[in-house]
Amino acid sequence: MPIRLLLAEDHTLMRAGIRALLAGLPDVQVVGEASTGPEALTLAESLKPDLVLLDISMPELNGLEVASRLIKSEPTRRIIFLSMHTDAVYVRRALQAGASGYLVKGADVPELSLAIRAVMRGESYLSPAVSKDLIGEIRRSDTREVTPLEMLTPRQREILQLVTEGHGTKDIARRLDLSVKTVEAHRSELMERLDIHDLPGLVRFAIRHGLTSSDV
């Protein structure tokens, strides 16, 4: 039986390139493609893939939040992040979200195949480009302070991402099935917690922490 894989990547050309690479793996079948975070959640629920190959910088709901929700709904779900971010902070957050693997974009086909097979065996896989830095990050973790992003609730992080992507309050309320007042309250509280009180500041914060990309 082939490995049924869901591919979640927002850039069309990048997604096509990854799918072409996956097509060269005889025991992998791409059963669905998602271009946004919410779409990835919906397809994962309906298609029940064996593996989700997920980008971190996804529109509307970033990959880290997507992974966390997927694992919460099905703890044994297998997820590999494929990301341009090599900073150990991103890798640590990906593993905390429940991912089994982390590949850096630009990895060749043999490494992609190796990662998929390792994860499907129940093992973990990290690109060599990030594993060394992660070891240092883990060694420092005992004294690590809580980051500003970790001070926010999942709902506040979701609203922060949508705000910095240019969605208005009414649109956010509609997307999340919340009242306008609730969205405004979340936005006010997250700005207080971050001590950031203008949209450009929120955008810079979101880009720095991987909630959104620099091309929003």
Protein backbone atom coordinates (compact mmCIF):
# COMPACT_ATOMS: atom_id res chain seq x y z
CA MET A 1 0.00 0.00 0.00
CA PRO A 2 1.39 3.42 -0.91
CA ILE A 3 1.91 6.10 1.72
CA ARG A 4 -1.01 8.50 1.40
CA LEU A 5 0.39 12.03 1.70
CA LEU A 6 -1.26 15.44 2.06
CA LEU A 7 0.89 18.32 0.75
CA ALA A 8 0.32 21.74 2.35
CA GLU A 9 2.29 24.59 0.75
CA ASP A 10 0.96 28.04 -0.13
CA HIS A 11 3.18 28.89 -3.11
CA THR A 12 1.80 27.27 -6.27
CA LEU A 13 5.14 26.81 -8.06
CA MET A 14 6.85 25.45 -4.96
CA ARG A 15 3.95 23.05 -4.37
CA ALA A 16 4.15 21.85 -7.98
CA GLY A 17 7.88 21.28 -7.64
CA ILE A 18 7.48 19.29 -4.42
CA ARG A 19 4.70 17.22 -5.94
CA ALA A 20 6.94 16.44 -8.93
CA LEU A 21 9.63 15.20 -6.54
CA LEU A 22 7.10 13.09 -4.65
CA ALA A 23 5.89 11.61 -7.94
CA GLY A 24 9.32 10.07 -8.31
CA LEU A 25 8.87 8.06 -5.11
CA PRO A 26 7.08 4.84 -6.13
CA ASP A 27 5.45 4.14 -2.77
CA VAL A 28 4.10 7.67 -2.11
CA GLN A 29 0.71 8.90 -3.31
CA VAL A 30 -0.24 12.58 -2.99
CA VAL A 31 -3.95 12.42 -2.12
CA GLY A 32 -4.52 16.14 -1.65
CA GLU A 33 -2.98 19.61 -1.79
CA ALA A 34 -3.70 22.59 0.47
CA SER A 35 -2.69 26.22 -0.01
CA THR A 36 -3.92 27.61 3.34
CA GLY A 37 -3.88 26.47 6.95
CA PRO A 38 -7.66 26.01 7.27
CA GLU A 39 -7.71 24.08 4.00
CA ALA A 40 -5.01 21.75 5.34
CA LEU A 41 -7.12 21.05 8.44
CA THR A 42 -10.22 20.35 6.37
CA LEU A 43 -8.43 18.03 3.92
CA ALA A 44 -6.65 16.16 6.70
CA GLU A 45 -10.00 15.51 8.36
CA SER A 46 -11.69 14.32 5.16
CA LEU A 47 -8.83 12.45 3.46
CA LYS A 48 -7.22 10.85 6.54
CA PRO A 49 -3.70 10.83 5.03
CA ASP A 50 -0.90 8.72 6.50
CA LEU A 51 1.43 11.70 6.45
CA VAL A 52 1.14 15.49 6.19
CA LEU A 53 4.01 17.40 4.55
CA LEU A 54 3.52 20.92 5.87
CA ASP A 55 5.06 24.35 5.41
CA ILE A 56 5.38 26.66 8.42
CA SER A 57 4.41 29.92 6.68
CA MET A 58 0.84 29.15 5.65
CA PRO A 59 -1.82 31.87 5.09
CA GLU A 60 -4.74 32.35 7.51
CA LEU A 61 -3.38 29.75 9.97
CA ASN A 62 0.34 29.01 10.12
CA GLY A 63 1.71 25.49 9.94
CA LEU A 64 2.67 25.33 13.60
CA GLU A 65 -0.93 25.96 14.66
CA VAL A 66 -2.17 23.51 12.01
CA ALA A 67 0.15 20.79 13.31
CA SER A 68 -0.88 21.38 16.90
CA ARG A 69 -4.57 21.00 16.01
CA LEU A 70 -3.96 17.93 13.85
CA ILE A 71 -2.07 16.19 16.63
CA LYS A 72 -4.70 17.16 19.18
CA SER A 73 -7.42 15.53 17.08
CA GLU A 74 -5.28 12.47 16.28
CA PRO A 75 -2.15 12.06 18.48
CA THR A 76 -0.62 9.35 16.25
CA ARG A 77 -0.76 11.52 13.13
CA ARG A 78 2.58 11.84 11.33
CA ILE A 79 3.72 15.30 10.23
CA ILE A 80 6.89 16.51 8.50
CA PHE A 81 7.62 20.20 8.23
CA LEU A 82 9.26 21.41 5.03
CA SER A 83 10.45 24.93 5.73
CA MET A 84 12.90 27.62 4.69
CA HIS A 85 13.51 28.42 8.39
CA THR A 86 16.72 26.91 9.77
CA ASP A 87 16.69 28.67 13.14
CA ALA A 88 16.57 26.18 16.03
CA VAL A 89 13.67 28.11 17.57
CA TYR A 90 11.43 27.10 14.65
CA VAL A 91 12.56 23.49 14.83
CA ARG A 92 11.87 23.34 18.57
CA ARG A 93 8.41 24.83 18.08
CA ALA A 94 7.70 22.36 15.27
CA LEU A 95 8.60 19.43 17.50
CA GLN A 96 6.57 20.88 20.36
CA ALA A 97 3.59 21.09 17.98
CA GLY A 98 3.90 17.34 17.44
CA ALA A 99 5.87 17.02 14.20
CA SER A 100 7.97 13.91 13.64
CA GLY A 101 10.26 15.46 11.05
CA TYR A 102 11.74 18.76 9.91
CA LEU A 103 13.24 19.22 6.45
CA VAL A 104 14.83 22.37 5.10
CA LYS A 105 13.57 23.49 1.69
CA GLY A 106 16.22 22.67 -0.83
CA ALA A 107 16.68 19.14 0.47
CA ASP A 108 17.33 16.66 -2.32
CA VAL A 109 15.11 13.73 -3.25
CA PRO A 110 17.10 11.08 -1.31
CA GLU A 111 16.77 13.12 1.91
CA LEU A 112 13.04 13.65 1.34
CA SER A 113 12.61 9.90 0.81
CA LEU A 114 14.74 9.13 3.87
CA ALA A 115 12.68 11.46 6.05
CA ILE A 116 9.36 10.02 4.89
CA ARG A 117 10.44 6.45 5.54
CA ALA A 118 11.91 7.26 8.95
CA VAL A 119 8.75 9.03 10.09
CA MET A 120 6.50 6.25 8.78
CA ARG A 121 8.55 3.78 10.86
CA GLY A 122 7.69 5.83 13.93
CA GLU A 123 11.08 7.53 14.10
CA SER A 124 12.01 11.22 13.97
CA TYR A 125 14.01 12.95 11.26
CA LEU A 126 15.78 16.32 11.28
CA SER A 127 17.76 17.79 8.41
CA PRO A 128 21.47 17.86 9.24
CA ALA A 129 21.34 21.60 8.56
CA VAL A 130 19.21 22.17 11.66
CA SER A 131 20.03 19.31 14.05
CA LYS A 132 23.32 20.79 15.32
CA ASP A 133 21.73 24.12 16.22
CA LEU A 134 18.81 22.34 17.86
CA ILE A 135 21.13 20.46 20.22
CA GLY A 136 22.50 23.79 21.41
CA GLU A 137 18.99 25.15 21.81
CA ILE A 138 17.96 22.15 23.91
CA ARG A 139 20.99 22.57 26.14
CA ARG A 140 19.93 26.15 26.80
CA SER A 141 16.25 25.29 27.27
CA ASP A 142 16.42 24.92 31.06
CA THR A 143 17.06 28.63 31.40
CA ARG A 144 14.97 29.71 28.42
CA GLU A 145 12.45 32.44 29.14
CA VAL A 146 8.90 32.26 27.82
CA THR A 147 8.76 34.01 24.45
CA PRO A 148 6.20 36.76 23.76
CA LEU A 149 4.46 34.46 21.27
CA GLU A 150 4.02 31.77 23.92
CA MET A 151 2.28 34.32 26.13
CA LEU A 152 -0.62 34.40 23.66
CA THR A 153 -3.46 31.89 23.52
CA PRO A 154 -3.94 29.82 20.32
CA ARG A 155 -6.96 31.97 19.44
CA GLN A 156 -4.95 35.18 19.93
CA ARG A 157 -2.18 33.85 17.70
CA GLU A 158 -4.76 32.99 15.06
CA ILE A 159 -6.26 36.47 15.20
CA LEU A 160 -2.81 38.05 15.18
CA GLN A 161 -1.95 36.22 11.98
CA LEU A 162 -5.19 37.23 10.27
CA VAL A 163 -4.77 40.88 11.37
CA THR A 164 -1.23 41.04 9.99
CA GLU A 165 -2.40 39.46 6.71
CA GLY A 166 -4.75 42.42 6.25
CA HIS A 167 -8.09 40.92 7.27
CA GLY A 168 -10.52 43.36 8.89
CA THR A 169 -12.33 42.75 12.17
CA LYS A 170 -15.66 41.81 10.56
CA ASP A 171 -13.95 39.40 8.18
CA ILE A 172 -12.02 37.76 11.03
CA ALA A 173 -15.22 37.42 13.04
CA ARG A 174 -16.91 35.72 10.09
CA ARG A 175 -14.00 33.37 9.42
CA LEU A 176 -13.71 32.29 13.06
CA ASP A 177 -17.44 32.35 13.83
CA LEU A 178 -16.94 34.92 16.58
CA SER A 179 -18.64 38.20 17.39
CA VAL A 180 -16.95 41.44 16.37
CA LYS A 181 -16.67 42.41 20.05
CA THR A 182 -14.90 39.14 20.87
CA VAL A 183 -12.38 39.69 18.07
CA GLU A 184 -11.79 43.26 19.22
CA ALA A 185 -11.27 42.04 22.80
CA HIS A 186 -8.73 39.41 21.69
CA ARG A 187 -6.91 41.96 19.53
CA SER A 188 -6.75 44.48 22.38
CA GLU A 189 -5.46 41.89 24.84
CA LEU A 190 -2.81 40.48 22.54
CA MET A 191 -1.51 43.99 21.81
CA GLU A 192 -1.28 44.63 25.54
CA ARG A 193 0.55 41.37 26.15
CA LEU A 194 3.02 42.07 23.36
CA ASP A 195 3.25 45.77 24.22
CA ILE A 196 2.79 46.54 20.52
CA HIS A 197 0.13 49.11 19.71
CA ASP A 198 0.25 49.62 15.94
CA LEU A 199 -0.26 47.43 12.88
CA PRO A 200 3.28 47.82 11.42
CA GLY A 201 4.70 46.65 14.75
CA LEU A 202 2.39 43.63 14.77
CA VAL A 203 3.39 42.78 11.19
CA ARG A 204 7.10 42.93 12.06
CA PHE A 205 6.48 40.73 15.11
CA ALA A 206 4.49 38.18 13.08
CA ILE A 207 7.16 37.93 10.38
CA ARG A 208 9.95 37.59 12.97
CA HIS A 209 8.15 34.71 14.67
CA GLY A 210 7.04 32.90 11.50
CA LEU A 211 3.32 33.59 11.83
CA THR A 212 3.25 35.18 8.41
CA SER A 213 5.68 35.73 5.54
CA SER A 214 7.33 38.96 4.49
CA ASP A 215 5.32 39.09 1.24
CA VAL A 216 1.94 39.79 2.89
